[in-house]
Structures are given as structure tokens and as C-alpha cells.
């Protein structure tokens, strides 16, 4: 089951919830105010496996800065 982050439009609370794929489009209830006026949030996440800066001046596979452009 994927983990989604939601924001409640009623009280502003941000929470995470594991949701079945078959229920991914059903807004969950806010755990604070019990409202169903919740929206999925677009989240960023960290990954390991490299540095964004390089001291040797070599290029990464994503370009010279290691970031998407």
C-alpha cells in the first residue's frame, strides 16, 4: 500500500495515511477534525546516493550541477 500525505482544508492539519490503490481517490477523514475535505499533497523526498556538489569538478550523469534543469 502506498503512503500518501494529505492536508485538511477544514483545519489545515497535514497527515500521512496508507491507502489501498483501489481507495486512492477517496478522501480520508482528517484525524483532528473528522472532516472529509482533505486533499493529497505533492511531496518531495530525499534519496541517498550522491552529493549535489563536487569538489573535483567532474560532471555527474545529470549535468554539471547534479540537478535537473
C-alpha atoms as a PDB file:
ATOM      1  CA  UNK A   1       0.000   0.000   0.000  1.00  0.00           C
ATOM      2  CA  UNK A   2       1.342   3.444  -0.851  1.00  0.00           C
ATOM      3  CA  UNK A   3       1.735   6.154   1.773  1.00  0.00           C
ATOM      4  CA  UNK A   4       0.089   9.464   0.872  1.00  0.00           C
ATOM      5  CA  UNK A   5       0.300  12.855   2.536  1.00  0.00           C
ATOM      6  CA  UNK A   6      -2.932  14.814   2.904  1.00  0.00           C
ATOM      7  CA  UNK A   7      -3.895  18.312   4.014  1.00  0.00           C
ATOM      8  CA  UNK A   8      -7.249  19.044   5.617  1.00  0.00           C
ATOM      9  CA  UNK A   9      -8.996  22.054   4.038  1.00  0.00           C
ATOM     10  CA  UNK A  10     -11.109  22.496   7.166  1.00  0.00           C
ATOM     11  CA  UNK A  11      -8.415  22.762   9.887  1.00  0.00           C
ATOM     12  CA  UNK A  12      -5.130  22.775   7.898  1.00  0.00           C
ATOM     13  CA  UNK A  13      -3.737  19.638   9.538  1.00  0.00           C
ATOM     14  CA  UNK A  14      -1.235  17.674   7.423  1.00  0.00           C
ATOM     15  CA  UNK A  15      -1.175  13.918   7.942  1.00  0.00           C
ATOM     16  CA  UNK A  16       0.019  10.710   6.289  1.00  0.00           C
ATOM     17  CA  UNK A  17      -2.103   7.669   5.562  1.00  0.00           C
ATOM     18  CA  UNK A  18      -1.515   4.300   3.916  1.00  0.00           C
ATOM     19  CA  UNK A  19      -4.220   3.773   1.325  1.00  0.00           C
ATOM     20  CA  UNK A  20      -5.107   0.821  -0.885  1.00  0.00           C
ATOM     21  CA  UNK A  21      -4.773   1.513  -4.611  1.00  0.00           C
ATOM     22  CA  UNK A  22      -8.492   0.820  -5.000  1.00  0.00           C
ATOM     23  CA  UNK A  23      -9.268   3.592  -2.462  1.00  0.00           C
ATOM     24  CA  UNK A  24      -6.671   6.153  -3.594  1.00  0.00           C
ATOM     25  CA  UNK A  25      -9.299   8.563  -4.951  1.00  0.00           C
ATOM     26  CA  UNK A  26     -11.472   8.510  -1.815  1.00  0.00           C
ATOM     27  CA  UNK A  27     -10.512  11.386   0.512  1.00  0.00           C
ATOM     28  CA  UNK A  28      -9.704  10.085   4.010  1.00  0.00           C
ATOM     29  CA  UNK A  29     -11.107  11.591   7.170  1.00  0.00           C
ATOM     30  CA  UNK A  30      -8.914  14.133   8.994  1.00  0.00           C
ATOM     31  CA  UNK A  31      -7.732  12.623  12.305  1.00  0.00           C
ATOM     32  CA  UNK A  32      -8.100  16.022  14.051  1.00  0.00           C
ATOM     33  CA  UNK A  33     -11.480  17.440  12.963  1.00  0.00           C
ATOM     34  CA  UNK A  34     -13.027  14.391  11.196  1.00  0.00           C
ATOM     35  CA  UNK A  35     -13.644  16.395   8.015  1.00  0.00           C
ATOM     36  CA  UNK A  36     -13.563  14.644   4.642  1.00  0.00           C
ATOM     37  CA  UNK A  37     -12.362  17.864   2.964  1.00  0.00           C
ATOM     38  CA  UNK A  38      -8.839  16.520   2.534  1.00  0.00           C
ATOM     39  CA  UNK A  39      -6.517  16.769  -0.456  1.00  0.00           C
ATOM     40  CA  UNK A  40      -3.473  14.762  -1.493  1.00  0.00           C
ATOM     41  CA  UNK A  41      -0.261  16.738  -1.280  1.00  0.00           C
ATOM     42  CA  UNK A  42       2.650  16.590  -3.689  1.00  0.00           C
ATOM     43  CA  UNK A  43       5.630  15.704  -1.558  1.00  0.00           C
ATOM     44  CA  UNK A  44       9.335  15.680  -2.101  1.00  0.00           C
ATOM     45  CA  UNK A  45      11.541  13.008  -0.643  1.00  0.00           C
ATOM     46  CA  UNK A  46      15.236  12.572  -0.024  1.00  0.00           C
ATOM     47  CA  UNK A  47      17.297   9.837  -1.592  1.00  0.00           C
ATOM     48  CA  UNK A  48      20.752   8.668  -0.757  1.00  0.00           C
ATOM     49  CA  UNK A  49      23.425   8.023  -3.323  1.00  0.00           C
ATOM     50  CA  UNK A  50      25.377  11.126  -4.001  1.00  0.00           C
ATOM     51  CA  UNK A  51      26.146  14.717  -3.361  1.00  0.00           C
ATOM     52  CA  UNK A  52      24.862  17.734  -5.230  1.00  0.00           C
ATOM     53  CA  UNK A  53      28.282  19.367  -5.169  1.00  0.00           C
ATOM     54  CA  UNK A  54      31.555  18.011  -6.432  1.00  0.00           C
ATOM     55  CA  UNK A  55      34.973  19.069  -5.196  1.00  0.00           C
ATOM     56  CA  UNK A  56      36.849  17.515  -8.108  1.00  0.00           C
ATOM     57  CA  UNK A  57      34.980  19.480 -10.764  1.00  0.00           C
ATOM     58  CA  UNK A  58      33.798  16.364 -12.601  1.00  0.00           C
ATOM     59  CA  UNK A  59      30.317  16.214 -14.101  1.00  0.00           C
ATOM     60  CA  UNK A  60      27.586  13.930 -12.882  1.00  0.00           C
ATOM     61  CA  UNK A  61      25.248  11.983 -15.122  1.00  0.00           C
ATOM     62  CA  UNK A  62      22.576  14.664 -14.565  1.00  0.00           C
ATOM     63  CA  UNK A  63      24.693  17.555 -15.787  1.00  0.00           C
ATOM     64  CA  UNK A  64      27.363  19.768 -14.334  1.00  0.00           C
ATOM     65  CA  UNK A  65      25.480  20.595 -11.118  1.00  0.00           C
ATOM     66  CA  UNK A  66      23.843  17.211 -10.488  1.00  0.00           C
ATOM     67  CA  UNK A  67      20.382  18.784 -10.775  1.00  0.00           C
ATOM     68  CA  UNK A  68      17.665  18.598 -13.370  1.00  0.00           C
ATOM     69  CA  UNK A  69      17.336  21.721 -15.490  1.00  0.00           C
END
